[in-house]
PDB file of all heavy atoms in Angstrom:
ATOM      1  N   VAL A   1      39.901 -36.464 169.984  1.00  0.00           N
ATOM      2  CA  VAL A   1      38.882 -37.309 169.401  1.00  0.00           C
ATOM      3  C   VAL A   1      39.556 -38.241 168.372  1.00  0.00           C
ATOM      4  O   VAL A   1      39.211 -39.430 168.267  1.00  0.00           O
ATOM      5  CB  VAL A   1      37.673 -36.442 168.806  1.00  0.00           C
ATOM      6  CG1 VAL A   1      36.849 -37.325 167.948  1.00  0.00           C
ATOM      7  CG2 VAL A   1      36.908 -35.836 169.895  1.00  0.00           C
ATOM      8  N   ILE A   2      40.444 -37.710 167.543  1.00  0.00           N
ATOM      9  CA  ILE A   2      41.159 -38.482 166.561  1.00  0.00           C
ATOM     10  C   ILE A   2      41.977 -39.588 167.218  1.00  0.00           C
ATOM     11  O   ILE A   2      41.967 -40.772 166.754  1.00  0.00           O
ATOM     12  CB  ILE A   2      42.010 -37.634 165.680  1.00  0.00           C
ATOM     13  CG1 ILE A   2      41.128 -36.724 164.766  1.00  0.00           C
ATOM     14  CG2 ILE A   2      42.970 -38.466 164.841  1.00  0.00           C
ATOM     15  CD1 ILE A   2      41.795 -35.565 163.949  1.00  0.00           C
ATOM     16  N   GLN A   3      42.613 -39.305 168.273  1.00  0.00           N
ATOM     17  CA  GLN A   3      43.351 -40.317 169.013  1.00  0.00           C
ATOM     18  C   GLN A   3      42.449 -41.406 169.601  1.00  0.00           C
ATOM     19  O   GLN A   3      42.781 -42.538 169.513  1.00  0.00           O
ATOM     20  CB  GLN A   3      44.203 -39.672 170.208  1.00  0.00           C
ATOM     21  CG  GLN A   3      45.406 -38.870 169.743  1.00  0.00           C
ATOM     22  CD  GLN A   3      46.138 -38.148 170.834  1.00  0.00           C
ATOM     23  OE1 GLN A   3      45.663 -38.202 171.995  1.00  0.00           O
ATOM     24  NE2 GLN A   3      47.238 -37.579 170.513  1.00  0.00           N
ATOM     25  N   MET A   4      41.307 -40.955 170.142  1.00  0.00           N
ATOM     26  CA  MET A   4      40.382 -41.943 170.645  1.00  0.00           C
ATOM     27  C   MET A   4      39.911 -42.844 169.554  1.00  0.00           C
ATOM     28  O   MET A   4      39.829 -44.085 169.724  1.00  0.00           O
ATOM     29  CB  MET A   4      39.251 -41.282 171.362  1.00  0.00           C
ATOM     30  CG  MET A   4      39.408 -41.095 172.768  1.00  0.00           C
ATOM     31  SD  MET A   4      37.904 -40.562 173.530  1.00  0.00           S
ATOM     32  CE  MET A   4      38.434 -38.841 173.946  1.00  0.00           C
ATOM     33  N   ALA A   5      39.587 -42.271 168.429  1.00  0.00           N
ATOM     34  CA  ALA A   5      39.096 -43.037 167.226  1.00  0.00           C
ATOM     35  C   ALA A   5      40.168 -44.052 166.874  1.00  0.00           C
ATOM     36  O   ALA A   5      39.824 -45.199 166.593  1.00  0.00           O
ATOM     37  CB  ALA A   5      38.736 -42.160 166.142  1.00  0.00           C
ATOM     38  N   ASN A   6      41.387 -43.678 166.783  1.00  0.00           N
ATOM     39  CA  ASN A   6      42.485 -44.598 166.454  1.00  0.00           C
ATOM     40  C   ASN A   6      42.656 -45.702 167.456  1.00  0.00           C
ATOM     41  O   ASN A   6      42.821 -46.879 167.041  1.00  0.00           O
ATOM     42  CB  ASN A   6      43.836 -43.849 166.377  1.00  0.00           C
ATOM     43  CG  ASN A   6      43.878 -42.894 165.145  1.00  0.00           C
ATOM     44  OD1 ASN A   6      43.167 -43.158 164.147  1.00  0.00           O
ATOM     45  ND2 ASN A   6      44.687 -41.865 165.189  1.00  0.00           N
ATOM     46  N   ILE A   7      42.494 -45.473 168.735  1.00  0.00           N
ATOM     47  CA  ILE A   7      42.657 -46.503 169.702  1.00  0.00           C
ATOM     48  C   ILE A   7      41.520 -47.577 169.569  1.00  0.00           C
ATOM     49  O   ILE A   7      41.827 -48.792 169.656  1.00  0.00           O
ATOM     50  CB  ILE A   7      42.468 -45.856 171.179  1.00  0.00           C
ATOM     51  CG1 ILE A   7      43.751 -45.085 171.441  1.00  0.00           C
ATOM     52  CG2 ILE A   7      42.252 -46.943 172.242  1.00  0.00           C
ATOM     53  CD1 ILE A   7      43.640 -44.222 172.690  1.00  0.00           C
ATOM     54  N   PHE A   8      40.300 -47.168 169.132  1.00  0.00           N
ATOM     55  CA  PHE A   8      39.217 -48.049 168.885  1.00  0.00           C
ATOM     56  C   PHE A   8      39.176 -48.575 167.508  1.00  0.00           C
ATOM     57  O   PHE A   8      38.197 -49.250 167.142  1.00  0.00           O
ATOM     58  CB  PHE A   8      37.924 -47.445 169.262  1.00  0.00           C
ATOM     59  CG  PHE A   8      37.654 -47.284 170.744  1.00  0.00           C
ATOM     60  CD1 PHE A   8      38.120 -46.241 171.492  1.00  0.00           C
ATOM     61  CD2 PHE A   8      36.917 -48.240 171.399  1.00  0.00           C
ATOM     62  CE1 PHE A   8      37.908 -46.140 172.884  1.00  0.00           C
ATOM     63  CE2 PHE A   8      36.668 -48.161 172.809  1.00  0.00           C
ATOM     64  CZ  PHE A   8      37.211 -47.171 173.481  1.00  0.00           C
ATOM     65  N   ARG A   9      40.181 -48.299 166.697  1.00  0.00           N
ATOM     66  CA  ARG A   9      40.167 -48.605 165.265  1.00  0.00           C
ATOM     67  C   ARG A   9      38.911 -48.148 164.493  1.00  0.00           C
ATOM     68  O   ARG A   9      38.457 -48.801 163.648  1.00  0.00           O
ATOM     69  CB  ARG A   9      40.327 -50.093 165.074  1.00  0.00           C
ATOM     70  CG  ARG A   9      41.678 -50.649 165.621  1.00  0.00           C
ATOM     71  CD  ARG A   9      41.913 -52.088 165.157  1.00  0.00           C
ATOM     72  NE  ARG A   9      43.181 -52.536 165.658  1.00  0.00           N
ATOM     73  CZ  ARG A   9      43.322 -53.523 166.499  1.00  0.00           C
ATOM     74  NH1 ARG A   9      42.261 -54.131 167.021  1.00  0.00           N
ATOM     75  NH2 ARG A   9      44.477 -53.907 166.894  1.00  0.00           N
ATOM     76  N   ALA A  10      38.475 -46.965 164.959  1.00  0.00           N
ATOM     77  CA  ALA A  10      37.387 -46.293 164.223  1.00  0.00           C
ATOM     78  C   ALA A  10      38.002 -45.363 163.205  1.00  0.00           C
ATOM     79  O   ALA A  10      39.191 -45.147 163.216  1.00  0.00           O
ATOM     80  CB  ALA A  10      36.557 -45.502 165.296  1.00  0.00           C
ATOM     81  N   LYS A  11      37.192 -44.839 162.379  1.00  0.00           N
ATOM     82  CA  LYS A  11      37.633 -43.943 161.261  1.00  0.00           C
ATOM     83  C   LYS A  11      36.915 -42.639 161.458  1.00  0.00           C
ATOM     84  O   LYS A  11      35.777 -42.524 161.734  1.00  0.00           O
ATOM     85  CB  LYS A  11      37.209 -44.561 159.924  1.00  0.00           C
ATOM     86  CG  LYS A  11      37.794 -45.951 159.598  1.00  0.00           C
ATOM     87  CD  LYS A  11      39.213 -45.845 159.265  1.00  0.00           C
ATOM     88  CE  LYS A  11      39.693 -47.216 158.956  1.00  0.00           C
ATOM     89  NZ  LYS A  11      41.067 -47.465 159.167  1.00  0.00           N
ATOM     90  N   ILE A  12      37.720 -41.587 161.077  1.00  0.00           N
ATOM     91  CA  ILE A  12      37.206 -40.217 160.978  1.00  0.00           C
ATOM     92  C   ILE A  12      36.652 -40.149 159.591  1.00  0.00           C
ATOM     93  O   ILE A  12      37.363 -40.242 158.607  1.00  0.00           O
ATOM     94  CB  ILE A  12      38.243 -39.185 161.265  1.00  0.00           C
ATOM     95  CG1 ILE A  12      38.832 -39.337 162.656  1.00  0.00           C
ATOM     96  CG2 ILE A  12      37.591 -37.775 161.128  1.00  0.00           C
ATOM     97  CD1 ILE A  12      37.954 -39.305 163.853  1.00  0.00           C
ATOM     98  N   LEU A  13      35.288 -39.944 159.486  1.00  0.00           N
ATOM     99  CA  LEU A  13      34.687 -39.898 158.148  1.00  0.00           C
ATOM    100  C   LEU A  13      34.378 -38.545 157.673  1.00  0.00           C
ATOM    101  O   LEU A  13      34.224 -38.361 156.449  1.00  0.00           O
ATOM    102  CB  LEU A  13      33.383 -40.693 158.171  1.00  0.00           C
ATOM    103  CG  LEU A  13      33.515 -42.182 158.715  1.00  0.00           C
ATOM    104  CD1 LEU A  13      32.165 -42.851 158.787  1.00  0.00           C
ATOM    105  CD2 LEU A  13      34.367 -42.945 157.652  1.00  0.00           C
ATOM    106  N   ASP A  14      34.239 -37.559 158.488  1.00  0.00           N
ATOM    107  CA  ASP A  14      34.015 -36.212 158.082  1.00  0.00           C
ATOM    108  C   ASP A  14      34.623 -35.212 159.113  1.00  0.00           C
ATOM    109  O   ASP A  14      34.630 -35.545 160.330  1.00  0.00           O
ATOM    110  CB  ASP A  14      32.481 -35.936 158.044  1.00  0.00           C
ATOM    111  CG  ASP A  14      32.154 -34.585 157.467  1.00  0.00           C
ATOM    112  OD1 ASP A  14      32.607 -34.274 156.306  1.00  0.00           O
ATOM    113  OD2 ASP A  14      31.418 -33.774 158.137  1.00  0.00           O
ATOM    114  N   VAL A  15      35.145 -34.155 158.645  1.00  0.00           N
ATOM    115  CA  VAL A  15      35.781 -33.115 159.494  1.00  0.00           C
ATOM    116  C   VAL A  15      35.253 -31.792 159.045  1.00  0.00           C
ATOM    117  O   VAL A  15      35.159 -31.408 157.910  1.00  0.00           O
ATOM    118  CB  VAL A  15      37.303 -33.072 159.361  1.00  0.00           C
ATOM    119  CG1 VAL A  15      37.901 -32.044 160.200  1.00  0.00           C
ATOM    120  CG2 VAL A  15      37.916 -34.377 159.725  1.00  0.00           C
ATOM    121  N   SER A  16      34.741 -31.010 160.053  1.00  0.00           N
ATOM    122  CA  SER A  16      34.454 -29.600 159.771  1.00  0.00           C
ATOM    123  C   SER A  16      35.092 -28.765 160.870  1.00  0.00           C
ATOM    124  O   SER A  16      35.847 -29.301 161.696  1.00  0.00           O
ATOM    125  CB  SER A  16      32.889 -29.397 159.836  1.00  0.00           C
ATOM    126  OG  SER A  16      32.409 -29.435 161.189  1.00  0.00           O
ATOM    127  N   ARG A  17      34.856 -27.426 160.791  1.00  0.00           N
ATOM    128  CA  ARG A  17      35.626 -26.632 161.720  1.00  0.00           C
ATOM    129  C   ARG A  17      35.268 -26.920 163.218  1.00  0.00           C
ATOM    130  O   ARG A  17      36.176 -26.804 164.015  1.00  0.00           O
ATOM    131  CB  ARG A  17      35.166 -25.107 161.462  1.00  0.00           C
ATOM    132  CG  ARG A  17      36.425 -24.227 161.396  1.00  0.00           C
ATOM    133  CD  ARG A  17      35.909 -22.826 160.926  1.00  0.00           C
ATOM    134  NE  ARG A  17      36.424 -22.448 159.700  1.00  0.00           N
ATOM    135  CZ  ARG A  17      37.687 -22.193 159.464  1.00  0.00           C
ATOM    136  NH1 ARG A  17      38.537 -22.298 160.349  1.00  0.00           N
ATOM    137  NH2 ARG A  17      38.004 -21.776 158.225  1.00  0.00           N
ATOM    138  N   ASP A  18      34.088 -27.370 163.508  1.00  0.00           N
ATOM    139  CA  ASP A  18      33.708 -27.603 164.796  1.00  0.00           C
ATOM    140  C   ASP A  18      33.049 -28.958 165.189  1.00  0.00           C
ATOM    141  O   ASP A  18      32.556 -29.174 166.192  1.00  0.00           O
ATOM    142  CB  ASP A  18      32.852 -26.423 165.434  1.00  0.00           C
ATOM    143  CG  ASP A  18      31.784 -25.926 164.499  1.00  0.00           C
ATOM    144  OD1 ASP A  18      31.759 -26.497 163.350  1.00  0.00           O
ATOM    145  OD2 ASP A  18      31.001 -25.094 164.924  1.00  0.00           O
ATOM    146  N   THR A  19      33.140 -29.894 164.207  1.00  0.00           N
ATOM    147  CA  THR A  19      32.654 -31.249 164.423  1.00  0.00           C
ATOM    148  C   THR A  19      33.563 -32.263 163.686  1.00  0.00           C
ATOM    149  O   THR A  19      34.260 -31.992 162.749  1.00  0.00           O
ATOM    150  CB  THR A  19      31.186 -31.465 163.891  1.00  0.00           C
ATOM    151  OG1 THR A  19      31.195 -31.346 162.483  1.00  0.00           O
ATOM    152  CG2 THR A  19      30.251 -30.447 164.530  1.00  0.00           C
ATOM    153  N   LEU A  20      33.447 -33.506 164.235  1.00  0.00           N
ATOM    154  CA  LEU A  20      34.099 -34.644 163.669  1.00  0.00           C
ATOM    155  C   LEU A  20      33.035 -35.709 163.669  1.00  0.00           C
ATOM    156  O   LEU A  20      32.219 -35.933 164.550  1.00  0.00           O
ATOM    157  CB  LEU A  20      35.277 -35.182 164.458  1.00  0.00           C
ATOM    158  CG  LEU A  20      36.564 -34.361 164.485  1.00  0.00           C
ATOM    159  CD1 LEU A  20      37.509 -34.874 165.471  1.00  0.00           C
ATOM    160  CD2 LEU A  20      37.140 -34.267 163.107  1.00  0.00           C
ATOM    161  N   THR A  21      32.969 -36.514 162.535  1.00  0.00           N
ATOM    162  CA  THR A  21      32.105 -37.671 162.471  1.00  0.00           C
ATOM    163  C   THR A  21      32.923 -38.911 162.486  1.00  0.00           C
ATOM    164  O   THR A  21      33.863 -39.052 161.578  1.00  0.00           O
ATOM    165  CB  THR A  21      31.209 -37.647 161.218  1.00  0.00           C
ATOM    166  OG1 THR A  21      30.383 -36.402 161.278  1.00  0.00           O
ATOM    167  CG2 THR A  21      30.260 -38.830 161.222  1.00  0.00           C
ATOM    168  N   VAL A  22      32.687 -39.736 163.503  1.00  0.00           N
ATOM    169  CA  VAL A  22      33.489 -40.983 163.610  1.00  0.00           C
ATOM    170  C   VAL A  22      32.652 -42.167 163.172  1.00  0.00           C
ATOM    171  O   VAL A  22      31.455 -42.246 163.531  1.00  0.00           O
ATOM    172  CB  VAL A  22      33.928 -41.121 165.138  1.00  0.00           C
ATOM    173  CG1 VAL A  22      34.641 -42.432 165.364  1.00  0.00           C
ATOM    174  CG2 VAL A  22      34.653 -39.914 165.650  1.00  0.00           C
ATOM    175  N   GLY A  23      33.205 -43.077 162.470  1.00  0.00           N
ATOM    176  CA  GLY A  23      32.507 -44.336 162.083  1.00  0.00           C
ATOM    177  C   GLY A  23      33.222 -45.457 162.768  1.00  0.00           C
ATOM    178  O   GLY A  23      34.468 -45.627 162.739  1.00  0.00           O
ATOM    179  N   ILE A  24      32.401 -46.313 163.468  1.00  0.00           N
ATOM    180  CA  ILE A  24      33.016 -47.457 164.197  1.00  0.00           C
ATOM    181  C   ILE A  24      32.227 -48.725 163.855  1.00  0.00           C
ATOM    182  O   ILE A  24      31.016 -48.722 163.856  1.00  0.00           O
ATOM    183  CB  ILE A  24      33.093 -47.253 165.746  1.00  0.00           C
ATOM    184  CG1 ILE A  24      33.744 -48.406 166.413  1.00  0.00           C
ATOM    185  CG2 ILE A  24      31.722 -46.897 166.305  1.00  0.00           C
ATOM    186  CD1 ILE A  24      34.138 -48.123 167.898  1.00  0.00           C
ATOM    187  N   PHE A  25      32.940 -49.814 163.609  1.00  0.00           N
ATOM    188  CA  PHE A  25      32.379 -51.096 163.332  1.00  0.00           C
ATOM    189  C   PHE A  25      32.865 -52.040 164.352  1.00  0.00           C
ATOM    190  O   PHE A  25      34.044 -52.232 164.628  1.00  0.00           O
ATOM    191  CB  PHE A  25      32.789 -51.563 161.929  1.00  0.00           C
ATOM    192  CG  PHE A  25      32.216 -52.923 161.573  1.00  0.00           C
ATOM    193  CD1 PHE A  25      30.956 -53.016 161.121  1.00  0.00           C
ATOM    194  CD2 PHE A  25      33.073 -54.072 161.586  1.00  0.00           C
ATOM    195  CE1 PHE A  25      30.421 -54.303 160.830  1.00  0.00           C
ATOM    196  CE2 PHE A  25      32.515 -55.298 161.264  1.00  0.00           C
ATOM    197  CZ  PHE A  25      31.244 -55.405 160.887  1.00  0.00           C
ATOM    198  N   GLY A  26      31.907 -52.746 165.062  1.00  0.00           N
ATOM    199  CA  GLY A  26      32.371 -53.732 166.137  1.00  0.00           C
ATOM    200  C   GLY A  26      31.150 -54.192 166.929  1.00  0.00           C
ATOM    201  O   GLY A  26      30.028 -53.893 166.563  1.00  0.00           O
ATOM    202  N   GLY A  27      31.539 -54.824 167.993  1.00  0.00           N
ATOM    203  CA  GLY A  27      30.485 -55.295 168.931  1.00  0.00           C
ATOM    204  C   GLY A  27      29.920 -54.085 169.723  1.00  0.00           C
ATOM    205  O   GLY A  27      30.444 -53.025 169.767  1.00  0.00           O
TER     206      GLY A  27
END
């Protein structure tokens, strides 16, 4: 998930043991 976020220039905004919250700005 972190690699995908990086490819899309998204940011990982929150990390827990079993979830990630991704923030993406774009079209």
